[in-house]
N, C-alpha and C. Protein backbone atom coordinates (compact mmCIF):
# COMPACT_ATOMS: atom_id res chain seq x y z
N MET A 1 0.84 -1.17 0.00
CA MET A 1 0.00 0.00 0.00
C MET A 1 0.89 1.23 0.00
N ASN A 2 0.58 2.16 -0.87
CA ASN A 2 1.36 3.40 -0.97
C ASN A 2 0.66 4.51 -0.22
N ASN A 3 1.45 5.34 0.42
CA ASN A 3 0.91 6.51 1.08
C ASN A 3 1.30 7.73 0.25
N ASP A 4 0.39 8.18 -0.59
CA ASP A 4 0.68 9.31 -1.47
C ASP A 4 0.73 10.63 -0.72
N ASN A 5 0.22 10.67 0.48
CA ASN A 5 0.22 11.90 1.27
C ASN A 5 1.48 12.06 2.11
N ALA A 6 2.35 11.07 2.10
CA ALA A 6 3.56 11.14 2.91
C ALA A 6 4.50 12.21 2.36
N VAL A 7 5.12 12.93 3.25
CA VAL A 7 6.05 13.98 2.87
C VAL A 7 7.43 13.37 2.76
N THR A 8 8.06 13.56 1.62
CA THR A 8 9.43 13.08 1.47
C THR A 8 10.38 14.09 2.08
N ARG A 9 11.30 13.60 2.85
CA ARG A 9 12.26 14.47 3.52
C ARG A 9 13.62 14.28 2.89
N SER A 10 14.35 15.37 2.87
CA SER A 10 15.70 15.30 2.32
C SER A 10 16.68 15.82 3.36
N SER A 11 17.93 15.60 3.10
CA SER A 11 18.95 16.05 4.04
C SER A 11 19.40 17.48 3.75
N SER A 12 18.85 18.10 2.71
CA SER A 12 19.31 19.44 2.36
C SER A 12 19.08 20.48 3.46
N PRO A 13 17.95 20.49 4.18
CA PRO A 13 17.83 21.50 5.24
C PRO A 13 18.86 21.31 6.35
N VAL A 14 19.16 20.06 6.66
CA VAL A 14 20.16 19.80 7.70
C VAL A 14 21.52 20.34 7.27
N LEU A 15 21.88 20.08 6.03
CA LEU A 15 23.16 20.57 5.53
C LEU A 15 23.18 22.10 5.46
N LEU A 16 22.06 22.68 5.05
CA LEU A 16 22.00 24.15 4.99
C LEU A 16 22.14 24.77 6.38
N TRP A 17 21.48 24.17 7.37
CA TRP A 17 21.61 24.69 8.74
C TRP A 17 23.05 24.56 9.24
N LEU A 18 23.71 23.47 8.88
CA LEU A 18 25.10 23.28 9.28
C LEU A 18 26.00 24.32 8.63
N VAL A 19 25.81 24.56 7.35
CA VAL A 19 26.61 25.58 6.65
C VAL A 19 26.34 26.96 7.23
N LEU A 20 25.07 27.24 7.55
CA LEU A 20 24.73 28.53 8.15
C LEU A 20 25.41 28.70 9.50
N ALA A 21 25.40 27.68 10.32
CA ALA A 21 26.03 27.77 11.64
C ALA A 21 27.53 28.00 11.53
N VAL A 22 28.18 27.27 10.64
CA VAL A 22 29.63 27.42 10.49
C VAL A 22 29.98 28.80 9.94
N SER A 23 29.25 29.24 8.94
CA SER A 23 29.57 30.55 8.38
C SER A 23 29.26 31.68 9.36
N ALA A 24 28.23 31.51 10.18
CA ALA A 24 27.93 32.53 11.20
C ALA A 24 29.01 32.57 12.26
N VAL A 25 29.52 31.43 12.66
CA VAL A 25 30.61 31.39 13.66
C VAL A 25 31.86 32.03 13.09
N VAL A 26 32.19 31.73 11.85
CA VAL A 26 33.37 32.34 11.22
C VAL A 26 33.18 33.84 11.10
N ASN A 27 32.00 34.27 10.73
CA ASN A 27 31.74 35.69 10.56
C ASN A 27 31.80 36.43 11.90
N ALA A 28 31.18 35.85 12.92
CA ALA A 28 31.13 36.52 14.23
C ALA A 28 32.44 36.39 14.99
N GLY A 29 33.09 35.25 14.89
CA GLY A 29 34.32 35.02 15.65
C GLY A 29 35.58 35.42 14.91
N GLY A 30 35.46 35.86 13.69
CA GLY A 30 36.62 36.23 12.89
C GLY A 30 37.52 37.28 13.53
N PRO A 31 36.96 38.36 14.06
CA PRO A 31 37.82 39.37 14.67
C PRO A 31 38.57 38.86 15.91
N LEU A 32 37.98 37.91 16.60
CA LEU A 32 38.62 37.38 17.81
C LEU A 32 39.86 36.56 17.51
N VAL A 33 39.85 35.88 16.36
CA VAL A 33 40.99 35.04 16.01
C VAL A 33 41.87 35.67 14.94
N GLY A 34 41.52 36.87 14.51
CA GLY A 34 42.37 37.60 13.58
C GLY A 34 42.13 37.31 12.11
N LEU A 35 40.95 36.84 11.75
CA LEU A 35 40.66 36.63 10.33
C LEU A 35 40.49 37.97 9.63
N GLY A 36 40.91 38.03 8.41
CA GLY A 36 40.82 39.25 7.64
C GLY A 36 39.40 39.58 7.21
N LEU A 37 39.20 40.83 6.83
CA LEU A 37 37.88 41.29 6.41
C LEU A 37 37.35 40.52 5.20
N PRO A 38 38.17 40.24 4.18
CA PRO A 38 37.63 39.49 3.03
C PRO A 38 37.08 38.12 3.41
N VAL A 39 37.74 37.44 4.32
CA VAL A 39 37.28 36.11 4.75
C VAL A 39 35.94 36.23 5.46
N ARG A 40 35.82 37.24 6.31
CA ARG A 40 34.57 37.44 7.04
C ARG A 40 33.44 37.87 6.10
N MET A 41 33.78 38.65 5.09
CA MET A 41 32.76 39.06 4.11
C MET A 41 32.26 37.86 3.31
N VAL A 42 33.15 36.97 2.93
CA VAL A 42 32.74 35.76 2.20
C VAL A 42 31.86 34.90 3.10
N ALA A 43 32.24 34.76 4.36
CA ALA A 43 31.43 33.98 5.30
C ALA A 43 30.05 34.60 5.47
N GLY A 44 29.98 35.91 5.52
CA GLY A 44 28.69 36.59 5.62
C GLY A 44 27.85 36.38 4.37
N GLY A 45 28.48 36.43 3.21
CA GLY A 45 27.76 36.17 1.96
C GLY A 45 27.22 34.75 1.89
N ILE A 46 28.03 33.81 2.37
CA ILE A 46 27.57 32.41 2.40
C ILE A 46 26.38 32.28 3.36
N ALA A 47 26.46 32.97 4.50
CA ALA A 47 25.36 32.93 5.46
C ALA A 47 24.08 33.50 4.84
N LEU A 48 24.19 34.61 4.14
CA LEU A 48 23.00 35.21 3.51
C LEU A 48 22.43 34.29 2.43
N GLY A 49 23.29 33.70 1.64
CA GLY A 49 22.82 32.77 0.61
C GLY A 49 22.15 31.55 1.21
N THR A 50 22.70 31.06 2.30
CA THR A 50 22.12 29.90 2.97
C THR A 50 20.75 30.23 3.55
N ILE A 51 20.61 31.42 4.13
CA ILE A 51 19.31 31.85 4.65
C ILE A 51 18.29 31.91 3.52
N ALA A 52 18.69 32.45 2.38
CA ALA A 52 17.78 32.53 1.23
C ALA A 52 17.36 31.13 0.78
N LEU A 53 18.29 30.18 0.76
CA LEU A 53 17.96 28.82 0.36
C LEU A 53 17.04 28.14 1.38
N LEU A 54 17.25 28.40 2.66
CA LEU A 54 16.37 27.83 3.68
C LEU A 54 14.95 28.38 3.57
N VAL A 55 14.83 29.67 3.31
CA VAL A 55 13.50 30.27 3.14
C VAL A 55 12.82 29.69 1.90
N THR A 56 13.56 29.56 0.81
CA THR A 56 13.02 28.99 -0.42
C THR A 56 12.54 27.56 -0.19
N HIS A 57 13.35 26.77 0.51
CA HIS A 57 12.97 25.40 0.81
C HIS A 57 11.70 25.36 1.65
N HIS A 58 11.61 26.22 2.62
CA HIS A 58 10.44 26.26 3.49
C HIS A 58 9.17 26.62 2.71
N VAL A 59 9.27 27.62 1.86
CA VAL A 59 8.10 28.05 1.08
C VAL A 59 7.66 26.95 0.12
N ARG A 60 8.60 26.32 -0.56
CA ARG A 60 8.25 25.24 -1.49
C ARG A 60 7.61 24.07 -0.76
N ARG A 61 8.14 23.75 0.40
CA ARG A 61 7.59 22.62 1.17
C ARG A 61 6.17 22.93 1.64
N ARG A 62 5.93 24.16 2.07
CA ARG A 62 4.57 24.54 2.50
C ARG A 62 3.59 24.47 1.33
N ARG A 63 4.05 24.89 0.15
CA ARG A 63 3.17 24.82 -1.03
C ARG A 63 2.84 23.38 -1.38
N GLN A 64 3.85 22.49 -1.28
CA GLN A 64 3.60 21.08 -1.56
C GLN A 64 2.63 20.49 -0.56
N LEU A 65 2.79 20.83 0.70
CA LEU A 65 1.88 20.32 1.71
C LEU A 65 0.48 20.88 1.50
N GLY A 66 0.38 22.14 1.12
CA GLY A 66 -0.92 22.74 0.85
C GLY A 66 -1.61 22.08 -0.32
N ASP A 67 -0.85 21.77 -1.36
CA ASP A 67 -1.43 21.09 -2.52
C ASP A 67 -1.94 19.71 -2.15
N ARG A 68 -1.25 19.01 -1.27
CA ARG A 68 -1.67 17.67 -0.88
C ARG A 68 -2.90 17.70 0.01
N ARG A 69 -3.06 18.74 0.79
CA ARG A 69 -4.21 18.84 1.68
C ARG A 69 -5.49 19.15 0.89
N VAL A 70 -5.36 19.84 -0.23
CA VAL A 70 -6.52 20.24 -1.02
C VAL A 70 -7.14 19.03 -1.71
N ARG A 71 -6.31 18.09 -2.13
CA ARG A 71 -6.81 16.94 -2.90
C ARG A 71 -7.72 16.06 -2.12
C-alpha cells in the first residue's frame, strides 16, 4: 500500500543549517581570532545565501503540503 500523502524528507535542510552555523561562527568570531575582512565578508555572503535557500525550501515545502491537503 502506498501513502501518497507522505512527505518526502531530504537532508538538504540539515546541511544548509550546518553551513549557516559554520559561516555565522566564522563571521562573528573572525575578529577574535584575527581573520581578515575578506574572509569574514565571504562567510557573511555564504550565510546570507544559505538563509535565502532555507526560506526557499520552506516556502516550497509549505506549497507542496498545501497542494496535498486540497486533494
